[in-house]
Amino acid sequence: MKKSWSHEATKLFKGKIVERIGYLNEMECEAMDWQPTPFIEFTDGHSIIASSDDEGNEGGVFYT
């Protein structure tokens, strides 16, 4: 049986504390060949970056 992505993501992010929210800087965007893209960084040093698809072909957006 295929594991649920949302279940795995919940285990990974549950209880984390947000340190900062921002956009990738110019050097990071150039390295990934992306446009300015939002990220969330947690106090433990892990982060999540918005992507337009599962392959990471371009930056994406977060919706709230």
N, C-alpha and C. Protein backbone atom coordinates (compact mmCIF):
# COMPACT_ATOMS: atom_id res chain seq x y z
N MET A 1 0.84 -1.18 0.00
CA MET A 1 0.00 0.00 0.00
C MET A 1 0.89 1.25 0.00
N LYS A 2 0.55 2.20 -0.84
CA LYS A 2 1.28 3.45 -0.93
C LYS A 2 1.00 4.31 0.30
N LYS A 3 2.06 4.85 0.90
CA LYS A 3 1.88 5.72 2.06
C LYS A 3 1.29 7.05 1.63
N SER A 4 0.49 7.62 2.50
CA SER A 4 -0.14 8.90 2.24
C SER A 4 0.87 10.03 2.43
N TRP A 5 1.04 10.87 1.42
CA TRP A 5 1.94 12.01 1.52
C TRP A 5 1.54 12.92 2.68
N SER A 6 0.26 13.17 2.82
CA SER A 6 -0.18 14.09 3.87
C SER A 6 0.11 13.52 5.26
N HIS A 7 0.01 12.21 5.42
CA HIS A 7 0.33 11.58 6.71
C HIS A 7 1.81 11.75 7.02
N GLU A 8 2.67 11.50 6.05
CA GLU A 8 4.11 11.65 6.25
C GLU A 8 4.48 13.11 6.51
N ALA A 9 3.87 14.04 5.79
CA ALA A 9 4.16 15.46 5.99
C ALA A 9 3.69 15.91 7.37
N THR A 10 2.57 15.39 7.82
CA THR A 10 2.07 15.74 9.15
C THR A 10 3.07 15.29 10.22
N LYS A 11 3.58 14.07 10.10
CA LYS A 11 4.57 13.59 11.06
C LYS A 11 5.83 14.46 11.02
N LEU A 12 6.24 14.88 9.84
CA LEU A 12 7.46 15.67 9.68
C LEU A 12 7.32 17.07 10.28
N PHE A 13 6.19 17.73 10.10
CA PHE A 13 6.04 19.13 10.48
C PHE A 13 5.28 19.36 11.78
N LYS A 14 4.60 18.38 12.31
CA LYS A 14 3.81 18.55 13.53
C LYS A 14 4.71 18.99 14.69
N GLY A 15 4.31 20.05 15.35
CA GLY A 15 5.03 20.54 16.51
C GLY A 15 6.20 21.47 16.23
N LYS A 16 6.55 21.65 14.97
CA LYS A 16 7.65 22.55 14.63
C LYS A 16 7.25 24.00 14.91
N ILE A 17 8.24 24.82 15.17
CA ILE A 17 8.01 26.23 15.44
C ILE A 17 8.64 27.04 14.32
N VAL A 18 7.86 27.96 13.76
CA VAL A 18 8.32 28.79 12.66
C VAL A 18 9.32 29.82 13.17
N GLU A 19 10.49 29.88 12.52
CA GLU A 19 11.51 30.87 12.83
C GLU A 19 11.32 32.12 11.98
N ARG A 20 11.13 31.89 10.67
CA ARG A 20 10.92 33.03 9.77
C ARG A 20 10.28 32.53 8.47
N ILE A 21 9.66 33.49 7.78
CA ILE A 21 9.02 33.25 6.49
C ILE A 21 9.56 34.31 5.55
N GLY A 22 9.92 33.92 4.35
CA GLY A 22 10.46 34.89 3.41
C GLY A 22 10.51 34.34 2.00
N TYR A 23 11.36 34.98 1.20
CA TYR A 23 11.57 34.56 -0.18
C TYR A 23 13.02 34.14 -0.35
N LEU A 24 13.27 33.19 -1.24
CA LEU A 24 14.64 32.83 -1.57
C LEU A 24 15.37 34.08 -2.04
N ASN A 25 16.66 34.18 -1.71
CA ASN A 25 17.42 35.34 -2.16
C ASN A 25 17.84 35.16 -3.63
N GLU A 26 18.43 36.17 -4.19
CA GLU A 26 18.80 36.15 -5.61
C GLU A 26 19.74 35.00 -5.95
N MET A 27 20.73 34.75 -5.10
CA MET A 27 21.70 33.68 -5.35
C MET A 27 21.01 32.30 -5.29
N GLU A 28 20.10 32.11 -4.34
CA GLU A 28 19.38 30.85 -4.25
C GLU A 28 18.49 30.63 -5.46
N CYS A 29 17.82 31.70 -5.91
CA CYS A 29 16.96 31.60 -7.10
C CYS A 29 17.79 31.25 -8.33
N GLU A 30 18.93 31.90 -8.49
CA GLU A 30 19.80 31.60 -9.64
C GLU A 30 20.29 30.16 -9.60
N ALA A 31 20.65 29.67 -8.43
CA ALA A 31 21.15 28.30 -8.30
C ALA A 31 20.09 27.28 -8.68
N MET A 32 18.83 27.59 -8.41
CA MET A 32 17.74 26.67 -8.71
C MET A 32 17.08 26.98 -10.05
N ASP A 33 17.47 28.10 -10.68
CA ASP A 33 16.85 28.58 -11.91
C ASP A 33 15.36 28.81 -11.71
N TRP A 34 15.04 29.44 -10.58
CA TRP A 34 13.66 29.75 -10.21
C TRP A 34 13.47 31.25 -10.08
N GLN A 35 12.22 31.66 -10.11
CA GLN A 35 11.83 33.02 -9.78
C GLN A 35 11.79 33.14 -8.25
N PRO A 36 11.66 34.35 -7.70
CA PRO A 36 11.53 34.48 -6.25
C PRO A 36 10.41 33.58 -5.71
N THR A 37 10.74 32.81 -4.71
CA THR A 37 9.86 31.76 -4.22
C THR A 37 9.79 31.80 -2.69
N PRO A 38 8.59 31.65 -2.12
CA PRO A 38 8.48 31.71 -0.66
C PRO A 38 8.98 30.44 0.03
N PHE A 39 9.44 30.63 1.26
CA PHE A 39 9.85 29.50 2.09
C PHE A 39 9.41 29.76 3.53
N ILE A 40 9.37 28.68 4.30
CA ILE A 40 9.15 28.75 5.74
C ILE A 40 10.32 28.03 6.39
N GLU A 41 11.00 28.70 7.31
CA GLU A 41 12.13 28.10 8.02
C GLU A 41 11.72 27.88 9.48
N PHE A 42 12.07 26.69 10.00
CA PHE A 42 11.71 26.34 11.37
C PHE A 42 12.89 26.51 12.31
N THR A 43 12.62 26.55 13.60
CA THR A 43 13.67 26.78 14.59
C THR A 43 14.71 25.67 14.63
N ASP A 44 14.39 24.49 14.13
CA ASP A 44 15.36 23.38 14.13
C ASP A 44 16.24 23.38 12.87
N GLY A 45 16.09 24.43 12.02
CA GLY A 45 16.92 24.55 10.82
C GLY A 45 16.31 23.95 9.57
N HIS A 46 15.26 23.13 9.70
CA HIS A 46 14.59 22.59 8.51
C HIS A 46 13.74 23.68 7.87
N SER A 47 13.44 23.51 6.60
CA SER A 47 12.61 24.49 5.91
C SER A 47 11.76 23.79 4.86
N ILE A 48 10.77 24.50 4.39
CA ILE A 48 9.91 24.04 3.30
C ILE A 48 9.84 25.17 2.29
N ILE A 49 9.99 24.80 1.01
CA ILE A 49 9.98 25.77 -0.08
C ILE A 49 8.82 25.42 -1.01
N ALA A 50 8.07 26.43 -1.40
CA ALA A 50 6.95 26.21 -2.31
C ALA A 50 7.47 25.82 -3.69
N SER A 51 6.91 24.77 -4.28
CA SER A 51 7.29 24.31 -5.61
C SER A 51 6.05 24.16 -6.47
N SER A 52 6.20 24.38 -7.76
CA SER A 52 5.05 24.29 -8.65
C SER A 52 4.65 22.86 -8.96
N ASP A 53 5.57 21.90 -8.71
CA ASP A 53 5.26 20.49 -8.96
C ASP A 53 6.17 19.59 -8.14
N ASP A 54 5.91 18.29 -8.17
CA ASP A 54 6.68 17.33 -7.38
C ASP A 54 8.13 17.19 -7.83
N GLU A 55 8.43 17.62 -9.04
CA GLU A 55 9.79 17.49 -9.58
C GLU A 55 10.65 18.71 -9.29
N GLY A 56 10.07 19.77 -8.73
CA GLY A 56 10.84 20.97 -8.42
C GLY A 56 11.26 21.76 -9.64
N ASN A 57 10.40 21.78 -10.67
CA ASN A 57 10.74 22.48 -11.91
C ASN A 57 10.69 24.00 -11.80
N GLU A 58 9.95 24.52 -10.85
CA GLU A 58 9.84 25.97 -10.69
C GLU A 58 9.28 26.24 -9.31
N GLY A 59 9.55 27.44 -8.83
CA GLY A 59 8.98 27.84 -7.55
C GLY A 59 7.48 27.95 -7.64
N GLY A 60 6.85 27.90 -6.52
CA GLY A 60 5.39 27.97 -6.47
C GLY A 60 4.93 28.97 -5.44
N VAL A 61 3.73 28.76 -4.92
CA VAL A 61 3.14 29.65 -3.94
C VAL A 61 2.50 28.85 -2.83
N PHE A 62 2.29 29.51 -1.69
CA PHE A 62 1.49 28.96 -0.59
C PHE A 62 0.15 29.68 -0.60
N TYR A 63 -0.91 28.97 -0.34
CA TYR A 63 -2.23 29.57 -0.19
C TYR A 63 -2.66 29.41 1.24
N THR A 64 -3.34 30.43 1.77
CA THR A 64 -3.91 30.33 3.12
C THR A 64 -5.37 30.65 3.09
